[in-house]
Amino acid sequence: MNQKIEFGQRLHDGMKAVGLEPKPSVLLNLFNARYWGVSVSFQAVSRWLNGQAMPRHDKLVVLAEILRMEPELLQYGRTVHRRVQDQRQRWEEALSYQEREMFDAYLQLPVPQRKLVREVIEALVLVHGKPKS
């Protein structure tokens, strides 16, 4: 089967899996609300869902975030980097319930506010980072 068609099917299935109606208008609004670059058109999103085109990597990352899946899984249908998954699992196991809740809340913020939160954290790390040995 064609890679674009397979991608379109994974995108369609991924939307259904997270409770979204697999329609271009639904994906368009969610995508453009999260994407930091130039907004995409209805036609572009429609072509993704219909298996006529594949997005560039930066757009693929945002789509995967919306679908709560790894970008590799969305693009290829399988996870390419097992080592990355293992590291992610260890990282997730180290988080407390409160930290997970905080990350979930962070992911609900619009992109400009997420950027601001990252900048605040980076500033705090500079001031209160690891003590020098």
N, C-alpha and C. Protein backbone atom coordinates (compact mmCIF):
# COMPACT_ATOMS: atom_id res chain seq x y z
N MET A 1 0.84 -1.18 0.00
CA MET A 1 0.00 0.00 0.00
C MET A 1 0.88 1.25 0.00
N ASN A 2 0.36 2.32 -0.53
CA ASN A 2 1.05 3.60 -0.62
C ASN A 2 1.27 4.20 0.77
N GLN A 3 2.46 4.76 0.99
CA GLN A 3 2.82 5.34 2.29
C GLN A 3 1.86 6.47 2.68
N LYS A 4 1.44 7.28 1.73
CA LYS A 4 0.52 8.38 2.02
C LYS A 4 -0.85 7.86 2.44
N ILE A 5 -1.31 6.84 1.77
CA ILE A 5 -2.61 6.24 2.11
C ILE A 5 -2.56 5.63 3.51
N GLU A 6 -1.47 4.93 3.80
CA GLU A 6 -1.32 4.33 5.13
C GLU A 6 -1.26 5.41 6.20
N PHE A 7 -0.55 6.50 5.93
CA PHE A 7 -0.49 7.61 6.87
C PHE A 7 -1.89 8.17 7.11
N GLY A 8 -2.63 8.40 6.04
CA GLY A 8 -4.00 8.92 6.15
C GLY A 8 -4.87 8.03 7.02
N GLN A 9 -4.73 6.73 6.87
CA GLN A 9 -5.51 5.80 7.67
C GLN A 9 -5.10 5.85 9.14
N ARG A 10 -3.79 5.95 9.40
CA ARG A 10 -3.33 6.07 10.80
C ARG A 10 -3.83 7.38 11.42
N LEU A 11 -3.81 8.45 10.65
CA LEU A 11 -4.30 9.74 11.14
C LEU A 11 -5.80 9.64 11.45
N HIS A 12 -6.55 9.06 10.56
CA HIS A 12 -7.99 8.84 10.74
C HIS A 12 -8.25 8.00 11.98
N ASP A 13 -7.56 6.87 12.10
CA ASP A 13 -7.73 5.97 13.25
C ASP A 13 -7.30 6.64 14.55
N GLY A 14 -6.21 7.42 14.49
CA GLY A 14 -5.73 8.11 15.67
C GLY A 14 -6.73 9.13 16.18
N MET A 15 -7.39 9.82 15.26
CA MET A 15 -8.40 10.79 15.67
C MET A 15 -9.55 10.09 16.37
N LYS A 16 -9.99 8.98 15.80
CA LYS A 16 -11.08 8.23 16.43
C LYS A 16 -10.67 7.71 17.80
N ALA A 17 -9.41 7.27 17.92
CA ALA A 17 -8.92 6.71 19.18
C ALA A 17 -8.93 7.72 20.32
N VAL A 18 -8.77 9.00 20.02
CA VAL A 18 -8.79 10.02 21.07
C VAL A 18 -10.14 10.73 21.14
N GLY A 19 -11.14 10.16 20.49
CA GLY A 19 -12.49 10.70 20.59
C GLY A 19 -12.81 11.86 19.68
N LEU A 20 -12.04 12.01 18.61
CA LEU A 20 -12.29 13.10 17.66
C LEU A 20 -12.97 12.55 16.42
N GLU A 21 -13.87 13.33 15.87
CA GLU A 21 -14.49 12.96 14.60
C GLU A 21 -13.44 13.18 13.51
N PRO A 22 -13.15 12.14 12.72
CA PRO A 22 -12.08 12.27 11.71
C PRO A 22 -12.51 13.09 10.49
N LYS A 23 -12.65 14.39 10.72
CA LYS A 23 -13.03 15.32 9.66
C LYS A 23 -11.95 16.38 9.54
N PRO A 24 -11.70 16.85 8.32
CA PRO A 24 -10.68 17.89 8.14
C PRO A 24 -10.94 19.14 8.98
N SER A 25 -12.18 19.56 9.11
CA SER A 25 -12.47 20.78 9.87
C SER A 25 -12.10 20.63 11.35
N VAL A 26 -12.32 19.45 11.91
CA VAL A 26 -11.98 19.20 13.31
C VAL A 26 -10.46 19.26 13.49
N LEU A 27 -9.75 18.55 12.62
CA LEU A 27 -8.29 18.51 12.72
C LEU A 27 -7.68 19.87 12.42
N LEU A 28 -8.24 20.59 11.48
CA LEU A 28 -7.73 21.91 11.11
C LEU A 28 -7.73 22.85 12.31
N ASN A 29 -8.83 22.90 13.03
CA ASN A 29 -8.93 23.80 14.18
C ASN A 29 -7.96 23.40 15.28
N LEU A 30 -7.88 22.12 15.60
CA LEU A 30 -6.96 21.65 16.64
C LEU A 30 -5.51 21.90 16.23
N PHE A 31 -5.20 21.60 14.99
CA PHE A 31 -3.83 21.75 14.52
C PHE A 31 -3.38 23.21 14.55
N ASN A 32 -4.16 24.08 13.95
CA ASN A 32 -3.75 25.49 13.86
C ASN A 32 -3.71 26.16 15.23
N ALA A 33 -4.45 25.65 16.20
CA ALA A 33 -4.39 26.20 17.55
C ALA A 33 -3.08 25.82 18.25
N ARG A 34 -2.45 24.73 17.81
CA ARG A 34 -1.23 24.27 18.47
C ARG A 34 0.05 24.54 17.67
N TYR A 35 -0.09 24.69 16.38
CA TYR A 35 1.09 24.83 15.52
C TYR A 35 1.65 26.24 15.61
N TRP A 36 2.96 26.34 15.76
CA TRP A 36 3.62 27.63 15.98
C TRP A 36 3.98 28.33 14.67
N GLY A 37 3.87 27.65 13.55
CA GLY A 37 4.22 28.23 12.26
C GLY A 37 3.00 28.80 11.56
N VAL A 38 3.12 28.95 10.26
CA VAL A 38 2.03 29.46 9.44
C VAL A 38 0.89 28.44 9.45
N SER A 39 -0.32 28.91 9.64
CA SER A 39 -1.49 28.03 9.67
C SER A 39 -1.58 27.22 8.37
N VAL A 40 -2.09 26.01 8.50
CA VAL A 40 -2.29 25.18 7.32
C VAL A 40 -3.71 25.37 6.81
N SER A 41 -3.93 25.02 5.57
CA SER A 41 -5.24 25.20 4.95
C SER A 41 -6.11 23.96 5.15
N PHE A 42 -7.39 24.16 4.93
CA PHE A 42 -8.35 23.06 4.97
C PHE A 42 -7.95 21.99 3.95
N GLN A 43 -7.52 22.43 2.77
CA GLN A 43 -7.14 21.50 1.72
C GLN A 43 -5.96 20.63 2.14
N ALA A 44 -4.98 21.22 2.82
CA ALA A 44 -3.81 20.45 3.26
C ALA A 44 -4.23 19.37 4.24
N VAL A 45 -5.04 19.74 5.22
CA VAL A 45 -5.50 18.76 6.22
C VAL A 45 -6.35 17.68 5.56
N SER A 46 -7.17 18.08 4.63
CA SER A 46 -8.01 17.12 3.91
C SER A 46 -7.14 16.13 3.13
N ARG A 47 -6.08 16.62 2.52
CA ARG A 47 -5.17 15.74 1.77
C ARG A 47 -4.45 14.77 2.72
N TRP A 48 -4.12 15.21 3.94
CA TRP A 48 -3.50 14.30 4.91
C TRP A 48 -4.46 13.17 5.26
N LEU A 49 -5.70 13.55 5.58
CA LEU A 49 -6.69 12.55 6.01
C LEU A 49 -7.08 11.61 4.88
N ASN A 50 -7.05 12.09 3.65
CA ASN A 50 -7.44 11.28 2.51
C ASN A 50 -6.28 10.49 1.90
N GLY A 51 -5.11 10.57 2.52
CA GLY A 51 -3.97 9.80 2.03
C GLY A 51 -3.39 10.31 0.73
N GLN A 52 -3.53 11.61 0.50
CA GLN A 52 -3.00 12.20 -0.73
C GLN A 52 -1.69 12.95 -0.50
N ALA A 53 -1.37 13.21 0.76
CA ALA A 53 -0.15 13.95 1.10
C ALA A 53 0.27 13.61 2.52
N MET A 54 1.54 13.86 2.80
CA MET A 54 2.06 13.69 4.15
C MET A 54 2.64 15.02 4.61
N PRO A 55 2.46 15.35 5.88
CA PRO A 55 3.00 16.62 6.38
C PRO A 55 4.50 16.54 6.59
N ARG A 56 5.12 17.70 6.67
CA ARG A 56 6.54 17.77 7.03
C ARG A 56 6.68 17.41 8.50
N HIS A 57 7.93 17.18 8.90
CA HIS A 57 8.19 16.68 10.25
C HIS A 57 7.65 17.60 11.35
N ASP A 58 7.82 18.91 11.21
CA ASP A 58 7.35 19.81 12.27
C ASP A 58 5.84 19.72 12.45
N LYS A 59 5.13 19.52 11.36
CA LYS A 59 3.67 19.37 11.43
C LYS A 59 3.30 17.99 11.97
N LEU A 60 4.08 17.00 11.59
CA LEU A 60 3.84 15.63 12.06
C LEU A 60 3.96 15.56 13.59
N VAL A 61 4.91 16.27 14.15
CA VAL A 61 5.09 16.29 15.60
C VAL A 61 3.85 16.86 16.29
N VAL A 62 3.29 17.93 15.74
CA VAL A 62 2.09 18.53 16.32
C VAL A 62 0.90 17.58 16.18
N LEU A 63 0.77 16.93 15.04
CA LEU A 63 -0.31 15.96 14.85
C LEU A 63 -0.20 14.82 15.87
N ALA A 64 1.01 14.32 16.06
CA ALA A 64 1.23 13.23 17.02
C ALA A 64 0.88 13.69 18.43
N GLU A 65 1.19 14.93 18.76
CA GLU A 65 0.85 15.47 20.08
C GLU A 65 -0.67 15.49 20.26
N ILE A 66 -1.39 15.93 19.24
CA ILE A 66 -2.85 15.97 19.29
C ILE A 66 -3.41 14.56 19.50
N LEU A 67 -2.80 13.59 18.84
CA LEU A 67 -3.28 12.20 18.90
C LEU A 67 -2.70 11.41 20.06
N ARG A 68 -1.82 12.07 20.83
CA ARG A 68 -1.18 11.43 21.99
C ARG A 68 -0.46 10.15 21.59
N MET A 69 0.37 10.28 20.55
CA MET A 69 1.17 9.14 20.10
C MET A 69 2.54 9.61 19.66
N GLU A 70 3.43 8.68 19.50
CA GLU A 70 4.77 9.00 19.04
C GLU A 70 4.73 9.40 17.56
N PRO A 71 5.50 10.41 17.16
CA PRO A 71 5.52 10.80 15.75
C PRO A 71 5.90 9.64 14.82
N GLU A 72 6.84 8.78 15.26
CA GLU A 72 7.26 7.65 14.43
C GLU A 72 6.10 6.68 14.19
N LEU A 73 5.29 6.49 15.21
CA LEU A 73 4.15 5.59 15.08
C LEU A 73 3.14 6.16 14.09
N LEU A 74 2.90 7.45 14.15
CA LEU A 74 1.99 8.09 13.20
C LEU A 74 2.55 8.04 11.79
N GLN A 75 3.83 8.31 11.64
CA GLN A 75 4.42 8.36 10.31
C GLN A 75 4.62 6.98 9.69
N TYR A 76 5.16 6.04 10.48
CA TYR A 76 5.56 4.75 9.92
C TYR A 76 4.68 3.58 10.32
N GLY A 77 3.84 3.77 11.33
CA GLY A 77 3.00 2.67 11.77
C GLY A 77 3.69 1.77 12.78
N ARG A 78 4.86 2.12 13.18
CA ARG A 78 5.61 1.36 14.19
C ARG A 78 6.58 2.33 14.85
N THR A 79 7.03 1.97 16.02
CA THR A 79 8.00 2.81 16.70
C THR A 79 9.37 2.46 16.19
N VAL A 80 10.09 3.45 15.73
CA VAL A 80 11.39 3.26 15.13
C VAL A 80 12.48 3.16 16.19
N HIS A 81 12.37 3.96 17.22
CA HIS A 81 13.44 4.06 18.20
C HIS A 81 13.01 3.43 19.53
N ARG A 82 13.30 2.17 19.69
CA ARG A 82 12.94 1.47 20.92
C ARG A 82 13.65 2.09 22.13
N ARG A 83 14.88 2.51 21.94
CA ARG A 83 15.65 3.10 23.04
C ARG A 83 14.96 4.36 23.57
N VAL A 84 14.41 5.15 22.68
CA VAL A 84 13.69 6.35 23.09
C VAL A 84 12.48 5.98 23.93
N GLN A 85 11.77 4.93 23.53
CA GLN A 85 10.62 4.47 24.30
C GLN A 85 11.04 4.02 25.69
N ASP A 86 12.14 3.29 25.78
CA ASP A 86 12.63 2.82 27.07
C ASP A 86 12.97 3.99 27.98
N GLN A 87 13.63 5.00 27.43
CA GLN A 87 13.99 6.18 28.22
C GLN A 87 12.73 6.94 28.65
N ARG A 88 11.76 7.02 27.76
CA ARG A 88 10.52 7.70 28.10
C ARG A 88 9.79 6.96 29.22
N GLN A 89 9.78 5.65 29.16
CA GLN A 89 9.12 4.86 30.20
C GLN A 89 9.78 5.10 31.56
N ARG A 90 11.12 5.10 31.58
CA ARG A 90 11.82 5.37 32.84
C ARG A 90 11.49 6.77 33.35
N TRP A 91 11.43 7.74 32.47
CA TRP A 91 11.12 9.11 32.84
C TRP A 91 9.71 9.20 33.42
N GLU A 92 8.75 8.55 32.76
CA GLU A 92 7.38 8.58 33.23
C GLU A 92 7.23 7.89 34.58
N GLU A 93 7.97 6.81 34.80
CA GLU A 93 7.90 6.10 36.07
C GLU A 93 8.45 6.94 37.21
N ALA A 94 9.35 7.86 36.92
CA ALA A 94 9.96 8.70 37.94
C ALA A 94 9.05 9.87 38.34
N LEU A 95 8.01 10.14 37.56
CA LEU A 95 7.13 11.27 37.85
C LEU A 95 6.06 10.89 38.87
N SER A 96 5.76 11.84 39.74
CA SER A 96 4.67 11.64 40.69
C SER A 96 3.34 11.95 39.98
N TYR A 97 2.27 11.61 40.64
CA TYR A 97 0.94 11.90 40.10
C TYR A 97 0.75 13.40 39.90
N GLN A 98 1.21 14.20 40.86
CA GLN A 98 1.07 15.66 40.76
C GLN A 98 1.86 16.20 39.57
N GLU A 99 3.05 15.65 39.33
CA GLU A 99 3.85 16.11 38.20
C GLU A 99 3.19 15.74 36.88
N ARG A 100 2.60 14.58 36.81
CA ARG A 100 1.88 14.19 35.59
C ARG A 100 0.69 15.11 35.35
N GLU A 101 -0.04 15.43 36.41
CA GLU A 101 -1.16 16.36 36.29
C GLU A 101 -0.69 17.72 35.78
N MET A 102 0.45 18.17 36.30
CA MET A 102 1.01 19.45 35.87
C MET A 102 1.38 19.41 34.39
N PHE A 103 1.98 18.31 33.94
CA PHE A 103 2.33 18.20 32.52
C PHE A 103 1.08 18.14 31.65
N ASP A 104 0.05 17.45 32.11
CA ASP A 104 -1.20 17.42 31.36
C ASP A 104 -1.79 18.83 31.24
N ALA A 105 -1.75 19.58 32.33
CA ALA A 105 -2.25 20.96 32.28
C ALA A 105 -1.42 21.81 31.33
N TYR A 106 -0.11 21.63 31.36
CA TYR A 106 0.80 22.34 30.46
C TYR A 106 0.44 22.06 29.00
N LEU A 107 0.17 20.80 28.69
CA LEU A 107 -0.15 20.43 27.31
C LEU A 107 -1.48 21.01 26.83
N GLN A 108 -2.33 21.42 27.75
CA GLN A 108 -3.60 22.03 27.39
C GLN A 108 -3.47 23.52 27.08
N LEU A 109 -2.34 24.11 27.46
CA LEU A 109 -2.15 25.54 27.22
C LEU A 109 -1.93 25.83 25.74
N PRO A 110 -2.31 27.02 25.29
CA PRO A 110 -1.97 27.43 23.92
C PRO A 110 -0.46 27.57 23.79
N VAL A 111 0.04 27.47 22.58
CA VAL A 111 1.48 27.48 22.31
C VAL A 111 2.19 28.70 22.92
N PRO A 112 1.68 29.93 22.80
CA PRO A 112 2.41 31.06 23.39
C PRO A 112 2.58 30.94 24.91
N GLN A 113 1.55 30.44 25.60
CA GLN A 113 1.65 30.28 27.05
C GLN A 113 2.61 29.14 27.41
N ARG A 114 2.64 28.09 26.58
CA ARG A 114 3.58 26.99 26.82
C ARG A 114 5.02 27.50 26.69
N LYS A 115 5.24 28.36 25.71
CA LYS A 115 6.57 28.93 25.52
C LYS A 115 6.96 29.75 26.75
N LEU A 116 6.02 30.52 27.26
CA LEU A 116 6.29 31.33 28.44
C LEU A 116 6.63 30.45 29.65
N VAL A 117 5.90 29.36 29.84
CA VAL A 117 6.18 28.44 30.94
C VAL A 117 7.58 27.86 30.80
N ARG A 118 7.96 27.47 29.59
CA ARG A 118 9.32 26.93 29.36
C ARG A 118 10.38 27.97 29.71
N GLU A 119 10.15 29.21 29.31
CA GLU A 119 11.12 30.27 29.60
C GLU A 119 11.25 30.52 31.10
N VAL A 120 10.14 30.46 31.83
CA VAL A 120 10.19 30.63 33.29
C VAL A 120 10.99 29.49 33.91
N ILE A 121 10.72 28.26 33.48
CA ILE A 121 11.45 27.10 34.01
C ILE A 121 12.94 27.22 33.70
N GLU A 122 13.27 27.60 32.48
CA GLU A 122 14.68 27.76 32.12
C GLU A 122 15.36 28.82 32.99
N ALA A 123 14.67 29.91 33.28
CA ALA A 123 15.23 30.96 34.13
C ALA A 123 15.43 30.45 35.55
N LEU A 124 14.48 29.69 36.06
CA LEU A 124 14.61 29.12 37.40
C LEU A 124 15.79 28.14 37.47
N VAL A 125 15.97 27.36 36.43
CA VAL A 125 17.10 26.40 36.40
C VAL A 125 18.42 27.16 36.40
N LEU A 126 18.48 28.26 35.67
CA LEU A 126 19.72 29.06 35.66
C LEU A 126 20.06 29.58 37.06
N VAL A 127 19.03 30.01 37.77
CA VAL A 127 19.25 30.60 39.10
C VAL A 127 19.41 29.52 40.18
N HIS A 128 18.59 28.48 40.09
CA HIS A 128 18.53 27.47 41.16
C HIS A 128 18.91 26.08 40.65
N GLY A 129 19.69 26.00 39.62
CA GLY A 129 20.07 24.72 39.02
C GLY A 129 20.90 23.86 39.94
N LYS A 130 21.42 22.80 39.40
CA LYS A 130 22.25 21.87 40.17
C LYS A 130 23.44 22.60 40.80
N PRO A 131 23.72 22.28 42.06
CA PRO A 131 24.91 22.92 42.69
C PRO A 131 26.18 22.46 41.99
N LYS A 132 27.11 23.36 41.87
CA LYS A 132 28.38 23.03 41.22
C LYS A 132 29.22 22.17 42.12
N SER A 133 29.87 21.17 41.53
CA SER A 133 30.69 20.24 42.30
C SER A 133 32.03 20.83 42.61
